[in-house]
Amino acid sequence: MAVSARDPITTSVAHRDGVAVVSIGGEIDLSTAPAFEAVIAEALDEDPPALVIELSEVTFMASVGLRILAATQENVGNSIQIAVVAGNAAASRPVQLTGLDNLISLYPTVDEALTALGQAACE
């Protein structure tokens, strides 16, 4: 789904090898935060063993996006593994600058995140 001025965010949930993959595109700010939170909640309602939050198509992430990522990790604790894919500076830079990458694993691609989650599950 394309991002438009009327709808500055796109969201979707897919499943790969049993892992929920939430994909976000466009802008994450105060006006789009509810859609970001809703798609994460939708994915978590299915009680997946792991969750990948794919932000490679994000063009802007305000602090509310960081808060949502941190809150998601806090809410699931150790019950669900979470990985964030941020292959672009718009998403990865805020995560790294705030140190959030010390709490949530950050990967450049979905495939790398899935591989890491699969290895962690085997340990």
PDB file of N, CA and C in Angstrom:
ATOM      1  N   MET A   1       0.845  -1.174   0.000  1.00  0.00           N
ATOM      2  CA  MET A   1       0.000   0.000   0.000  1.00  0.00           C
ATOM      3  C   MET A   1       0.892   1.240   0.000  1.00  0.00           C
ATOM      4  N   ALA A   2       0.616   2.194  -0.872  1.00  0.00           N
ATOM      5  CA  ALA A   2       1.425   3.404  -0.995  1.00  0.00           C
ATOM      6  C   ALA A   2       1.057   4.414   0.086  1.00  0.00           C
ATOM      7  N   VAL A   3       2.046   5.181   0.483  1.00  0.00           N
ATOM      8  CA  VAL A   3       1.845   6.236   1.467  1.00  0.00           C
ATOM      9  C   VAL A   3       1.355   7.474   0.734  1.00  0.00           C
ATOM     10  N   SER A   4       0.351   8.140   1.280  1.00  0.00           N
ATOM     11  CA  SER A   4      -0.149   9.372   0.676  1.00  0.00           C
ATOM     12  C   SER A   4      -0.236  10.454   1.745  1.00  0.00           C
ATOM     13  N   ALA A   5      -0.478  11.683   1.319  1.00  0.00           N
ATOM     14  CA  ALA A   5      -0.604  12.787   2.276  1.00  0.00           C
ATOM     15  C   ALA A   5      -1.767  12.532   3.231  1.00  0.00           C
ATOM     16  N   ARG A   6      -2.813  11.878   2.730  1.00  0.00           N
ATOM     17  CA  ARG A   6      -3.967  11.586   3.566  1.00  0.00           C
ATOM     18  C   ARG A   6      -3.680  10.458   4.550  1.00  0.00           C
ATOM     19  N   ASP A   7      -2.815   9.551   4.157  1.00  0.00           N
ATOM     20  CA  ASP A   7      -2.489   8.388   4.976  1.00  0.00           C
ATOM     21  C   ASP A   7      -0.964   8.259   5.031  1.00  0.00           C
ATOM     22  N   PRO A   8      -0.303   8.973   5.953  1.00  0.00           N
ATOM     23  CA  PRO A   8       1.160   9.026   5.957  1.00  0.00           C
ATOM     24  C   PRO A   8       1.851   7.783   6.520  1.00  0.00           C
ATOM     25  N   ILE A   9       1.090   6.707   6.799  1.00  0.00           N
ATOM     26  CA  ILE A   9       1.705   5.489   7.312  1.00  0.00           C
ATOM     27  C   ILE A   9       1.030   4.279   6.666  1.00  0.00           C
ATOM     28  N   THR A  10       1.830   3.254   6.415  1.00  0.00           N
ATOM     29  CA  THR A  10       1.294   1.977   5.963  1.00  0.00           C
ATOM     30  C   THR A  10       1.694   0.922   6.976  1.00  0.00           C
ATOM     31  N   THR A  11       0.824  -0.052   7.180  1.00  0.00           N
ATOM     32  CA  THR A  11       1.100  -1.119   8.137  1.00  0.00           C
ATOM     33  C   THR A  11       0.635  -2.444   7.560  1.00  0.00           C
ATOM     34  N   SER A  12       1.336  -3.503   7.933  1.00  0.00           N
ATOM     35  CA  SER A  12       0.895  -4.837   7.561  1.00  0.00           C
ATOM     36  C   SER A  12       1.495  -5.848   8.522  1.00  0.00           C
ATOM     37  N   VAL A  13       0.852  -7.003   8.606  1.00  0.00           N
ATOM     38  CA  VAL A  13       1.351  -8.124   9.402  1.00  0.00           C
ATOM     39  C   VAL A  13       1.434  -9.333   8.484  1.00  0.00           C
ATOM     40  N   ALA A  14       2.585  -9.983   8.498  1.00  0.00           N
ATOM     41  CA  ALA A  14       2.776 -11.223   7.747  1.00  0.00           C
ATOM     42  C   ALA A  14       3.399 -12.234   8.694  1.00  0.00           C
ATOM     43  N   HIS A  15       3.479 -13.468   8.259  1.00  0.00           N
ATOM     44  CA  HIS A  15       4.102 -14.511   9.079  1.00  0.00           C
ATOM     45  C   HIS A  15       5.140 -15.244   8.253  1.00  0.00           C
ATOM     46  N   ARG A  16       6.309 -15.383   8.834  1.00  0.00           N
ATOM     47  CA  ARG A  16       7.394 -16.125   8.191  1.00  0.00           C
ATOM     48  C   ARG A  16       7.941 -17.119   9.196  1.00  0.00           C
ATOM     49  N   ASP A  17       7.831 -18.373   8.878  1.00  0.00           N
ATOM     50  CA  ASP A  17       8.324 -19.443   9.758  1.00  0.00           C
ATOM     51  C   ASP A  17       7.760 -19.312  11.169  1.00  0.00           C
ATOM     52  N   GLY A  18       6.476 -18.933  11.270  1.00  0.00           N
ATOM     53  CA  GLY A  18       5.821 -18.809  12.566  1.00  0.00           C
ATOM     54  C   GLY A  18       6.074 -17.494  13.274  1.00  0.00           C
ATOM     55  N   VAL A  19       6.958 -16.670  12.735  1.00  0.00           N
ATOM     56  CA  VAL A  19       7.292 -15.383  13.348  1.00  0.00           C
ATOM     57  C   VAL A  19       6.392 -14.304  12.752  1.00  0.00           C
ATOM     58  N   ALA A  20       5.820 -13.464  13.605  1.00  0.00           N
ATOM     59  CA  ALA A  20       5.024 -12.329  13.133  1.00  0.00           C
ATOM     60  C   ALA A  20       5.962 -11.235  12.661  1.00  0.00           C
ATOM     61  N   VAL A  21       5.739 -10.748  11.452  1.00  0.00           N
ATOM     62  CA  VAL A  21       6.547  -9.666  10.893  1.00  0.00           C
ATOM     63  C   VAL A  21       5.622  -8.478  10.636  1.00  0.00           C
ATOM     64  N   VAL A  22       5.817  -7.431  11.424  1.00  0.00           N
ATOM     65  CA  VAL A  22       5.053  -6.194  11.276  1.00  0.00           C
ATOM     66  C   VAL A  22       5.872  -5.256  10.405  1.00  0.00           C
ATOM     67  N   SER A  23       5.308  -4.792   9.313  1.00  0.00           N
ATOM     68  CA  SER A  23       6.001  -3.856   8.430  1.00  0.00           C
ATOM     69  C   SER A  23       5.324  -2.495   8.499  1.00  0.00           C
ATOM     70  N   ILE A  24       6.147  -1.478   8.645  1.00  0.00           N
ATOM     71  CA  ILE A  24       5.669  -0.100   8.742  1.00  0.00           C
ATOM     72  C   ILE A  24       6.357   0.712   7.659  1.00  0.00           C
ATOM     73  N   GLY A  25       5.623   1.584   7.023  1.00  0.00           N
ATOM     74  CA  GLY A  25       6.188   2.499   6.045  1.00  0.00           C
ATOM     75  C   GLY A  25       5.670   3.899   6.284  1.00  0.00           C
ATOM     76  N   GLY A  26       6.446   4.881   5.879  1.00  0.00           N
ATOM     77  CA  GLY A  26       6.026   6.277   6.009  1.00  0.00           C
ATOM     78  C   GLY A  26       6.526   6.913   7.282  1.00  0.00           C
ATOM     79  N   GLU A  27       5.694   7.743   7.859  1.00  0.00           N
ATOM     80  CA  GLU A  27       6.074   8.549   9.025  1.00  0.00           C
ATOM     81  C   GLU A  27       5.470   7.989  10.308  1.00  0.00           C
ATOM     82  N   ILE A  28       6.317   7.894  11.338  1.00  0.00           N
ATOM     83  CA  ILE A  28       5.824   7.533  12.669  1.00  0.00           C
ATOM     84  C   ILE A  28       5.926   8.789  13.521  1.00  0.00           C
ATOM     85  N   ASP A  29       4.781   9.371  13.797  1.00  0.00           N
ATOM     86  CA  ASP A  29       4.730  10.569  14.629  1.00  0.00           C
ATOM     87  C   ASP A  29       3.473  10.508  15.481  1.00  0.00           C
ATOM     88  N   LEU A  30       3.156  11.592  16.151  1.00  0.00           N
ATOM     89  CA  LEU A  30       2.016  11.603  17.065  1.00  0.00           C
ATOM     90  C   LEU A  30       0.702  11.243  16.366  1.00  0.00           C
ATOM     91  N   SER A  31       0.540  11.674  15.121  1.00  0.00           N
ATOM     92  CA  SER A  31      -0.726  11.401  14.434  1.00  0.00           C
ATOM     93  C   SER A  31      -0.820   9.969  13.929  1.00  0.00           C
ATOM     94  N   THR A  32       0.311   9.299  13.691  1.00  0.00           N
ATOM     95  CA  THR A  32       0.279   7.938  13.167  1.00  0.00           C
ATOM     96  C   THR A  32       0.595   6.890  14.234  1.00  0.00           C
ATOM     97  N   ALA A  33       0.967   7.314  15.416  1.00  0.00           N
ATOM     98  CA  ALA A  33       1.310   6.385  16.499  1.00  0.00           C
ATOM     99  C   ALA A  33       0.195   5.375  16.795  1.00  0.00           C
ATOM    100  N   PRO A  34      -1.072   5.786  16.818  1.00  0.00           N
ATOM    101  CA  PRO A  34      -2.123   4.794  17.082  1.00  0.00           C
ATOM    102  C   PRO A  34      -2.136   3.642  16.079  1.00  0.00           C
ATOM    103  N   ALA A  35      -1.871   3.928  14.805  1.00  0.00           N
ATOM    104  CA  ALA A  35      -1.825   2.863  13.793  1.00  0.00           C
ATOM    105  C   ALA A  35      -0.628   1.947  14.032  1.00  0.00           C
ATOM    106  N   PHE A  36       0.508   2.507  14.434  1.00  0.00           N
ATOM    107  CA  PHE A  36       1.702   1.728  14.742  1.00  0.00           C
ATOM    108  C   PHE A  36       1.429   0.807  15.934  1.00  0.00           C
ATOM    109  N   GLU A  37       0.838   1.364  16.990  1.00  0.00           N
ATOM    110  CA  GLU A  37       0.511   0.562  18.175  1.00  0.00           C
ATOM    111  C   GLU A  37      -0.508  -0.523  17.844  1.00  0.00           C
ATOM    112  N   ALA A  38      -1.490  -0.190  17.022  1.00  0.00           N
ATOM    113  CA  ALA A  38      -2.552  -1.144  16.693  1.00  0.00           C
ATOM    114  C   ALA A  38      -2.019  -2.343  15.917  1.00  0.00           C
ATOM    115  N   VAL A  39      -1.116  -2.127  14.974  1.00  0.00           N
ATOM    116  CA  VAL A  39      -0.599  -3.242  14.183  1.00  0.00           C
ATOM    117  C   VAL A  39       0.302  -4.131  15.037  1.00  0.00           C
ATOM    118  N   ILE A  40       1.022  -3.553  15.982  1.00  0.00           N
ATOM    119  CA  ILE A  40       1.828  -4.367  16.905  1.00  0.00           C
ATOM    120  C   ILE A  40       0.899  -5.195  17.791  1.00  0.00           C
ATOM    121  N   ALA A  41      -0.151  -4.570  18.304  1.00  0.00           N
ATOM    122  CA  ALA A  41      -1.114  -5.293  19.145  1.00  0.00           C
ATOM    123  C   ALA A  41      -1.771  -6.424  18.363  1.00  0.00           C
ATOM    124  N   GLU A  42      -2.116  -6.170  17.106  1.00  0.00           N
ATOM    125  CA  GLU A  42      -2.718  -7.198  16.253  1.00  0.00           C
ATOM    126  C   GLU A  42      -1.780  -8.397  16.117  1.00  0.00           C
ATOM    127  N   ALA A  43      -0.512  -8.128  15.893  1.00  0.00           N
ATOM    128  CA  ALA A  43       0.470  -9.216  15.755  1.00  0.00           C
ATOM    129  C   ALA A  43       0.644  -9.970  17.067  1.00  0.00           C
ATOM    130  N   LEU A  44       0.673  -9.260  18.173  1.00  0.00           N
ATOM    131  CA  LEU A  44       0.873  -9.900  19.477  1.00  0.00           C
ATOM    132  C   LEU A  44      -0.359 -10.677  19.935  1.00  0.00           C
ATOM    133  N   ASP A  45      -1.543 -10.302  19.460  1.00  0.00           N
ATOM    134  CA  ASP A  45      -2.772 -11.027  19.806  1.00  0.00           C
ATOM    135  C   ASP A  45      -2.704 -12.482  19.366  1.00  0.00           C
ATOM    136  N   GLU A  46      -1.899 -12.754  18.359  1.00  0.00           N
ATOM    137  CA  GLU A  46      -1.764 -14.109  17.839  1.00  0.00           C
ATOM    138  C   GLU A  46      -0.753 -14.923  18.643  1.00  0.00           C
ATOM    139  N   ASP A  47      -0.156 -14.313  19.672  1.00  0.00           N
ATOM    140  CA  ASP A  47       0.797 -14.971  20.568  1.00  0.00           C
ATOM    141  C   ASP A  47       1.944 -15.659  19.821  1.00  0.00           C
ATOM    142  N   PRO A  48       2.661 -14.894  18.989  1.00  0.00           N
ATOM    143  CA  PRO A  48       3.774 -15.497  18.244  1.00  0.00           C
ATOM    144  C   PRO A  48       4.971 -15.743  19.169  1.00  0.00           C
ATOM    145  N   PRO A  49       5.848 -16.666  18.804  1.00  0.00           N
ATOM    146  CA  PRO A  49       7.045 -16.893  19.608  1.00  0.00           C
ATOM    147  C   PRO A  49       8.048 -15.745  19.473  1.00  0.00           C
ATOM    148  N   ALA A  50       7.934 -15.014  18.357  1.00  0.00           N
ATOM    149  CA  ALA A  50       8.844 -13.892  18.109  1.00  0.00           C
ATOM    150  C   ALA A  50       8.138 -12.865  17.237  1.00  0.00           C
ATOM    151  N   LEU A  51       8.628 -11.628  17.335  1.00  0.00           N
ATOM    152  CA  LEU A  51       8.053 -10.511  16.582  1.00  0.00           C
ATOM    153  C   LEU A  51       9.183  -9.730  15.934  1.00  0.00           C
ATOM    154  N   VAL A  52       9.073  -9.534  14.632  1.00  0.00           N
ATOM    155  CA  VAL A  52      10.000  -8.669  13.903  1.00  0.00           C
ATOM    156  C   VAL A  52       9.230  -7.412  13.528  1.00  0.00           C
ATOM    157  N   ILE A  53       9.793  -6.266  13.882  1.00  0.00           N
ATOM    158  CA  ILE A  53       9.186  -4.984  13.516  1.00  0.00           C
ATOM    159  C   ILE A  53      10.071  -4.384  12.428  1.00  0.00           C
ATOM    160  N   GLU A  54       9.555  -4.362  11.209  1.00  0.00           N
ATOM    161  CA  GLU A  54      10.317  -3.976  10.038  1.00  0.00           C
ATOM    162  C   GLU A  54      10.063  -2.508   9.713  1.00  0.00           C
ATOM    163  N   LEU A  55      11.105  -1.682   9.874  1.00  0.00           N
ATOM    164  CA  LEU A  55      10.974  -0.234   9.723  1.00  0.00           C
ATOM    165  C   LEU A  55      11.749   0.318   8.527  1.00  0.00           C
ATOM    166  N   SER A  56      12.160  -0.526   7.608  1.00  0.00           N
ATOM    167  CA  SER A  56      13.017  -0.087   6.505  1.00  0.00           C
ATOM    168  C   SER A  56      12.353   0.922   5.578  1.00  0.00           C
ATOM    169  N   GLU A  57      11.032   0.953   5.554  1.00  0.00           N
ATOM    170  CA  GLU A  57      10.316   1.909   4.699  1.00  0.00           C
ATOM    171  C   GLU A  57       9.869   3.152   5.470  1.00  0.00           C
ATOM    172  N   VAL A  58      10.311   3.273   6.720  1.00  0.00           N
ATOM    173  CA  VAL A  58       9.986   4.455   7.520  1.00  0.00           C
ATOM    174  C   VAL A  58      10.825   5.626   7.028  1.00  0.00           C
ATOM    175  N   THR A  59      10.169   6.763   6.812  1.00  0.00           N
ATOM    176  CA  THR A  59      10.864   7.953   6.332  1.00  0.00           C
ATOM    177  C   THR A  59      11.124   8.965   7.445  1.00  0.00           C
ATOM    178  N   PHE A  60      10.409   8.820   8.562  1.00  0.00           N
ATOM    179  CA  PHE A  60      10.576   9.720   9.703  1.00  0.00           C
ATOM    180  C   PHE A  60      10.082   8.995  10.945  1.00  0.00           C
ATOM    181  N   MET A  61      10.869   9.079  12.038  1.00  0.00           N
ATOM    182  CA  MET A  61      10.421   8.483  13.293  1.00  0.00           C
ATOM    183  C   MET A  61      10.628   9.489  14.420  1.00  0.00           C
ATOM    184  N   ALA A  62       9.522   9.958  14.959  1.00  0.00           N
ATOM    185  CA  ALA A  62       9.552  10.864  16.107  1.00  0.00           C
ATOM    186  C   ALA A  62       9.769  10.049  17.382  1.00  0.00           C
ATOM    187  N   SER A  63       9.951  10.741  18.479  1.00  0.00           N
ATOM    188  CA  SER A  63      10.215  10.070  19.755  1.00  0.00           C
ATOM    189  C   SER A  63       9.085   9.134  20.166  1.00  0.00           C
ATOM    190  N   VAL A  64       7.870   9.394  19.727  1.00  0.00           N
ATOM    191  CA  VAL A  64       6.758   8.510  20.065  1.00  0.00           C
ATOM    192  C   VAL A  64       6.984   7.112  19.478  1.00  0.00           C
ATOM    193  N   GLY A  65       7.622   7.015  18.332  1.00  0.00           N
ATOM    194  CA  GLY A  65       7.942   5.720  17.751  1.00  0.00           C
ATOM    195  C   GLY A  65       8.921   4.948  18.615  1.00  0.00           C
ATOM    196  N   LEU A  66       9.904   5.655  19.162  1.00  0.00           N
ATOM    197  CA  LEU A  66      10.864   5.033  20.072  1.00  0.00           C
ATOM    198  C   LEU A  66      10.162   4.564  21.343  1.00  0.00           C
ATOM    199  N   ARG A  67       9.237   5.380  21.828  1.00  0.00           N
ATOM    200  CA  ARG A  67       8.487   5.017  23.028  1.00  0.00           C
ATOM    201  C   ARG A  67       7.668   3.752  22.790  1.00  0.00           C
ATOM    202  N   ILE A  68       7.064   3.634  21.619  1.00  0.00           N
ATOM    203  CA  ILE A  68       6.271   2.458  21.294  1.00  0.00           C
ATOM    204  C   ILE A  68       7.163   1.213  21.233  1.00  0.00           C
ATOM    205  N   LEU A  69       8.330   1.331  20.641  1.00  0.00           N
ATOM    206  CA  LEU A  69       9.255   0.191  20.595  1.00  0.00           C
ATOM    207  C   LEU A  69       9.670  -0.232  22.000  1.00  0.00           C
ATOM    208  N   ALA A  70      10.037   0.750  22.832  1.00  0.00           N
ATOM    209  CA  ALA A  70      10.462   0.447  24.210  1.00  0.00           C
ATOM    210  C   ALA A  70       9.309  -0.159  25.011  1.00  0.00           C
ATOM    211  N   ALA A  71       8.114   0.392  24.860  1.00  0.00           N
ATOM    212  CA  ALA A  71       6.953  -0.121  25.596  1.00  0.00           C
ATOM    213  C   ALA A  71       6.609  -1.541  25.154  1.00  0.00           C
ATOM    214  N   THR A  72       6.753  -1.822  23.869  1.00  0.00           N
ATOM    215  CA  THR A  72       6.475  -3.165  23.371  1.00  0.00           C
ATOM    216  C   THR A  72       7.440  -4.158  24.013  1.00  0.00           C
ATOM    217  N   GLN A  73       8.727  -3.815  24.041  1.00  0.00           N
ATOM    218  CA  GLN A  73       9.712  -4.700  24.663  1.00  0.00           C
ATOM    219  C   GLN A  73       9.403  -4.884  26.148  1.00  0.00           C
ATOM    220  N   GLU A  74       9.059  -3.803  26.818  1.00  0.00           N
ATOM    221  CA  GLU A  74       8.742  -3.879  28.251  1.00  0.00           C
ATOM    222  C   GLU A  74       7.504  -4.737  28.501  1.00  0.00           C
ATOM    223  N   ASN A  75       6.492  -4.589  27.654  1.00  0.00           N
ATOM    224  CA  ASN A  75       5.244  -5.330  27.842  1.00  0.00           C
ATOM    225  C   ASN A  75       5.393  -6.830  27.630  1.00  0.00           C
ATOM    226  N   VAL A  76       6.225  -7.231  26.685  1.00  0.00           N
ATOM    227  CA  VAL A  76       6.366  -8.663  26.420  1.00  0.00           C
ATOM    228  C   VAL A  76       7.451  -9.302  27.281  1.00  0.00           C
ATOM    229  N   GLY A  77       8.360  -8.493  27.811  1.00  0.00           N
ATOM    230  CA  GLY A  77       9.424  -9.030  28.651  1.00  0.00           C
ATOM    231  C   GLY A  77      10.202 -10.100  27.929  1.00  0.00           C
ATOM    232  N   ASN A  78      10.363 -11.236  28.581  1.00  0.00           N
ATOM    233  CA  ASN A  78      11.099 -12.346  27.979  1.00  0.00           C
ATOM    234  C   ASN A  78      10.193 -13.364  27.319  1.00  0.00           C
ATOM    235  N   SER A  79       8.880 -13.103  27.303  1.00  0.00           N
ATOM    236  CA  SER A  79       7.944 -14.088  26.768  1.00  0.00           C
ATOM    237  C   SER A  79       7.980 -14.172  25.245  1.00  0.00           C
ATOM    238  N   ILE A  80       8.328 -13.085  24.582  1.00  0.00           N
ATOM    239  CA  ILE A  80       8.399 -13.048  23.119  1.00  0.00           C
ATOM    240  C   ILE A  80       9.687 -12.339  22.728  1.00  0.00           C
ATOM    241  N   GLN A  81      10.431 -12.939  21.815  1.00  0.00           N
ATOM    242  CA  GLN A  81      11.635 -12.288  21.305  1.00  0.00           C
ATOM    243  C   GLN A  81      11.229 -11.214  20.317  1.00  0.00           C
ATOM    244  N   ILE A  82      11.883 -10.052  20.416  1.00  0.00           N
ATOM    245  CA  ILE A  82      11.597  -8.947  19.505  1.00  0.00           C
ATOM    246  C   ILE A  82      12.872  -8.547  18.787  1.00  0.00           C
ATOM    247  N   ALA A  83      12.736  -8.316  17.490  1.00  0.00           N
ATOM    248  CA  ALA A  83      13.836  -7.796  16.682  1.00  0.00           C
ATOM    249  C   ALA A  83      13.299  -6.640  15.855  1.00  0.00           C
ATOM    250  N   VAL A  84      14.109  -5.618  15.687  1.00  0.00           N
ATOM    251  CA  VAL A  84      13.735  -4.463  14.873  1.00  0.00           C
ATOM    252  C   VAL A  84      14.634  -4.436  13.643  1.00  0.00           C
ATOM    253  N   VAL A  85      14.012  -4.283  12.489  1.00  0.00           N
ATOM    254  CA  VAL A  85      14.757  -4.158  11.238  1.00  0.00           C
ATOM    255  C   VAL A  85      14.703  -2.694  10.836  1.00  0.00           C
ATOM    256  N   ALA A  86      15.881  -2.106  10.758  1.00  0.00           N
ATOM    257  CA  ALA A  86      15.966  -0.692  10.384  1.00  0.00           C
ATOM    258  C   ALA A  86      17.150  -0.535   9.436  1.00  0.00           C
ATOM    259  N   GLY A  87      16.904  -0.790   8.169  1.00  0.00           N
ATOM    260  CA  GLY A  87      17.959  -0.723   7.177  1.00  0.00           C
ATOM    261  C   GLY A  87      18.167   0.667   6.604  1.00  0.00           C
ATOM    262  N   ASN A  88      17.585   1.662   7.245  1.00  0.00           N
ATOM    263  CA  ASN A  88      17.754   3.036   6.773  1.00  0.00           C
ATOM    264  C   ASN A  88      18.023   3.964   7.957  1.00  0.00           C
ATOM    265  N   ALA A  89      18.617   5.098   7.681  1.00  0.00           N
ATOM    266  CA  ALA A  89      18.987   6.035   8.740  1.00  0.00           C
ATOM    267  C   ALA A  89      17.779   6.648   9.439  1.00  0.00           C
ATOM    268  N   ALA A  90      16.667   6.813   8.729  1.00  0.00           N
ATOM    269  CA  ALA A  90      15.485   7.429   9.344  1.00  0.00           C
ATOM    270  C   ALA A  90      14.986   6.612  10.525  1.00  0.00           C
ATOM    271  N   ALA A  91      15.172   5.303  10.482  1.00  0.00           N
ATOM    272  CA  ALA A  91      14.734   4.440  11.575  1.00  0.00           C
ATOM    273  C   ALA A  91      15.885   4.035  12.489  1.00  0.00           C
ATOM    274  N   SER A  92      17.028   3.695  11.911  1.00  0.00           N
ATOM    275  CA  SER A  92      18.129   3.182  12.742  1.00  0.00           C
ATOM    276  C   SER A  92      18.812   4.261  13.566  1.00  0.00           C
ATOM    277  N   ARG A  93      18.969   5.440  13.016  1.00  0.00           N
ATOM    278  CA  ARG A  93      19.694   6.497  13.730  1.00  0.00           C
ATOM    279  C   ARG A  93      19.029   6.871  15.055  1.00  0.00           C
ATOM    280  N   PRO A  94      17.717   7.135  15.108  1.00  0.00           N
ATOM    281  CA  PRO A  94      17.099   7.459  16.404  1.00  0.00           C
ATOM    282  C   PRO A  94      17.220   6.312  17.411  1.00  0.00           C
ATOM    283  N   VAL A  95      17.090   5.082  16.933  1.00  0.00           N
ATOM    284  CA  VAL A  95      17.202   3.920  17.820  1.00  0.00           C
ATOM    285  C   VAL A  95      18.604   3.857  18.417  1.00  0.00           C
ATOM    286  N   GLN A  96      19.613   4.062  17.592  1.00  0.00           N
ATOM    287  CA  GLN A  96      20.997   4.003  18.063  1.00  0.00           C
ATOM    288  C   GLN A  96      21.367   5.202  18.940  1.00  0.00           C
ATOM    289  N   LEU A  97      20.937   6.384  18.557  1.00  0.00           N
ATOM    290  CA  LEU A  97      21.284   7.589  19.332  1.00  0.00           C
ATOM    291  C   LEU A  97      20.714   7.567  20.746  1.00  0.00           C
ATOM    292  N   THR A  98      19.562   6.944  20.897  1.00  0.00           N
ATOM    293  CA  THR A  98      18.934   6.882  22.223  1.00  0.00           C
ATOM    294  C   THR A  98      19.375   5.671  23.033  1.00  0.00           C
ATOM    295  N   GLY A  99      20.131   4.780  22.413  1.00  0.00           N
ATOM    296  CA  GLY A  99      20.571   3.581  23.118  1.00  0.00           C
ATOM    297  C   GLY A  99      19.517   2.486  23.172  1.00  0.00           C
ATOM    298  N   LEU A 100      18.421   2.667  22.465  1.00  0.00           N
ATOM    299  CA  LEU A 100      17.364   1.660  22.455  1.00  0.00           C
ATOM    300  C   LEU A 100      17.866   0.345  21.854  1.00  0.00           C
ATOM    301  N   ASP A 101      18.902   0.421  21.019  1.00  0.00           N
ATOM    302  CA  ASP A 101      19.460  -0.798  20.443  1.00  0.00           C
ATOM    303  C   ASP A 101      20.177  -1.660  21.485  1.00  0.00           C
ATOM    304  N   ASN A 102      20.346  -1.129  22.693  1.00  0.00           N
ATOM    305  CA  ASN A 102      20.873  -1.940  23.795  1.00  0.00           C
ATOM    306  C   ASN A 102      19.776  -2.802  24.428  1.00  0.00           C
ATOM    307  N   LEU A 103      18.516  -2.435  24.212  1.00  0.00           N
ATOM    308  CA  LEU A 103      17.379  -3.179  24.753  1.00  0.00           C
ATOM    309  C   LEU A 103      16.707  -4.071  23.722  1.00  0.00           C
ATOM    310  N   ILE A 104      16.715  -3.619  22.478  1.00  0.00           N
ATOM    311  CA  ILE A 104      16.062  -4.334  21.389  1.00  0.00           C
ATOM    312  C   ILE A 104      17.100  -4.593  20.309  1.00  0.00           C
ATOM    313  N   SER A 105      17.151  -5.827  19.838  1.00  0.00           N
ATOM    314  CA  SER A 105      18.110  -6.176  18.786  1.00  0.00           C
ATOM    315  C   SER A 105      17.735  -5.489  17.483  1.00  0.00           C
ATOM    316  N   LEU A 106      18.746  -4.911  16.828  1.00  0.00           N
ATOM    317  CA  LEU A 106      18.568  -4.141  15.603  1.00  0.00           C
ATOM    318  C   LEU A 106      19.280  -4.870  14.464  1.00  0.00           C
ATOM    319  N   TYR A 107      18.586  -5.038  13.333  1.00  0.00           N
ATOM    320  CA  TYR A 107      19.141  -5.752  12.182  1.00  0.00           C
ATOM    321  C   TYR A 107      18.905  -4.951  10.916  1.00  0.00           C
ATOM    322  N   PRO A 108      19.775  -5.128   9.901  1.00  0.00           N
ATOM    323  CA  PRO A 108      19.602  -4.387   8.645  1.00  0.00           C
ATOM    324  C   PRO A 108      18.562  -4.996   7.704  1.00  0.00           C
ATOM    325  N   THR A 109      18.269  -6.310   7.861  1.00  0.00           N
ATOM    326  CA  THR A 109      17.285  -6.953   6.976  1.00  0.00           C
ATOM    327  C   THR A 109      16.393  -7.901   7.773  1.00  0.00           C
ATOM    328  N   VAL A 110      15.235  -8.196   7.211  1.00  0.00           N
ATOM    329  CA  VAL A 110      14.315  -9.145   7.835  1.00  0.00           C
ATOM    330  C   VAL A 110      14.952 -10.524   7.891  1.00  0.00           C
ATOM    331  N   ASP A 111      15.624 -10.926   6.824  1.00  0.00           N
ATOM    332  CA  ASP A 111      16.257 -12.247   6.806  1.00  0.00           C
ATOM    333  C   ASP A 111      17.278 -12.395   7.928  1.00  0.00           C
ATOM    334  N   GLU A 112      18.087 -11.358   8.165  1.00  0.00           N
ATOM    335  CA  GLU A 112      19.071 -11.416   9.250  1.00  0.00           C
ATOM    336  C   GLU A 112      18.385 -11.483  10.614  1.00  0.00           C
ATOM    337  N   ALA A 113      17.295 -10.762  10.770  1.00  0.00           N
ATOM    338  CA  ALA A 113      16.549 -10.807  12.040  1.00  0.00           C
ATOM    339  C   ALA A 113      15.969 -12.200  12.259  1.00  0.00           C
ATOM    340  N   LEU A 114      15.381 -12.779  11.224  1.00  0.00           N
ATOM    341  CA  LEU A 114      14.792 -14.113  11.344  1.00  0.00           C
ATOM    342  C   LEU A 114      15.861 -15.163  11.655  1.00  0.00           C
ATOM    343  N   THR A 115      17.009 -15.043  11.024  1.00  0.00           N
ATOM    344  CA  THR A 115      18.111 -15.969  11.289  1.00  0.00           C
ATOM    345  C   THR A 115      18.553 -15.863  12.735  1.00  0.00           C
ATOM    346  N   ALA A 116      18.727 -14.631  13.230  1.00  0.00           N
ATOM    347  CA  ALA A 116      19.159 -14.430  14.615  1.00  0.00           C
ATOM    348  C   ALA A 116      18.117 -14.955  15.600  1.00  0.00           C
ATOM    349  N   LEU A 117      16.845 -14.715  15.327  1.00  0.00           N
ATOM    350  CA  LEU A 117      15.790 -15.203  16.211  1.00  0.00           C
ATOM    351  C   LEU A 117      15.751 -16.723  16.217  1.00  0.00           C
ATOM    352  N   GLY A 118      15.966 -17.333  15.053  1.00  0.00           N
ATOM    353  CA  GLY A 118      15.994 -18.784  14.961  1.00  0.00           C
ATOM    354  C   GLY A 118      17.151 -19.382  15.738  1.00  0.00           C
ATOM    355  N   GLN A 119      18.308 -18.719  15.677  1.00  0.00           N
ATOM    356  CA  GLN A 119      19.482 -19.189  16.434  1.00  0.00           C
ATOM    357  C   GLN A 119      19.261 -19.028  17.924  1.00  0.00           C
ATOM    358  N   ALA A 120      18.652 -17.924  18.328  1.00  0.00           N
ATOM    359  CA  ALA A 120      18.391 -17.686  19.745  1.00  0.00           C
ATOM    360  C   ALA A 120      17.410 -18.714  20.290  1.00  0.00           C
ATOM    361  N   ALA A 121      16.438 -19.123  19.482  1.00  0.00           N
ATOM    362  CA  ALA A 121      15.452 -20.110  19.918  1.00  0.00           C
ATOM    363  C   ALA A 121      16.082 -21.486  20.133  1.00  0.00           C
ATOM    364  N   CYS A 122      17.169 -21.745  19.398  1.00  0.00           N
ATOM    365  CA  CYS A 122      17.843 -23.039  19.501  1.00  0.00           C
ATOM    366  C   CYS A 122      18.767 -23.114  20.714  1.00  0.00           C
ATOM    367  N   GLU A 123      19.102 -21.969  21.289  1.00  0.00           N
ATOM    368  CA  GLU A 123      20.048 -21.954  22.420  1.00  0.00           C
ATOM    369  C   GLU A 123      19.396 -22.307  23.728  1.00  0.00           C
TER     370      GLU A 123
END
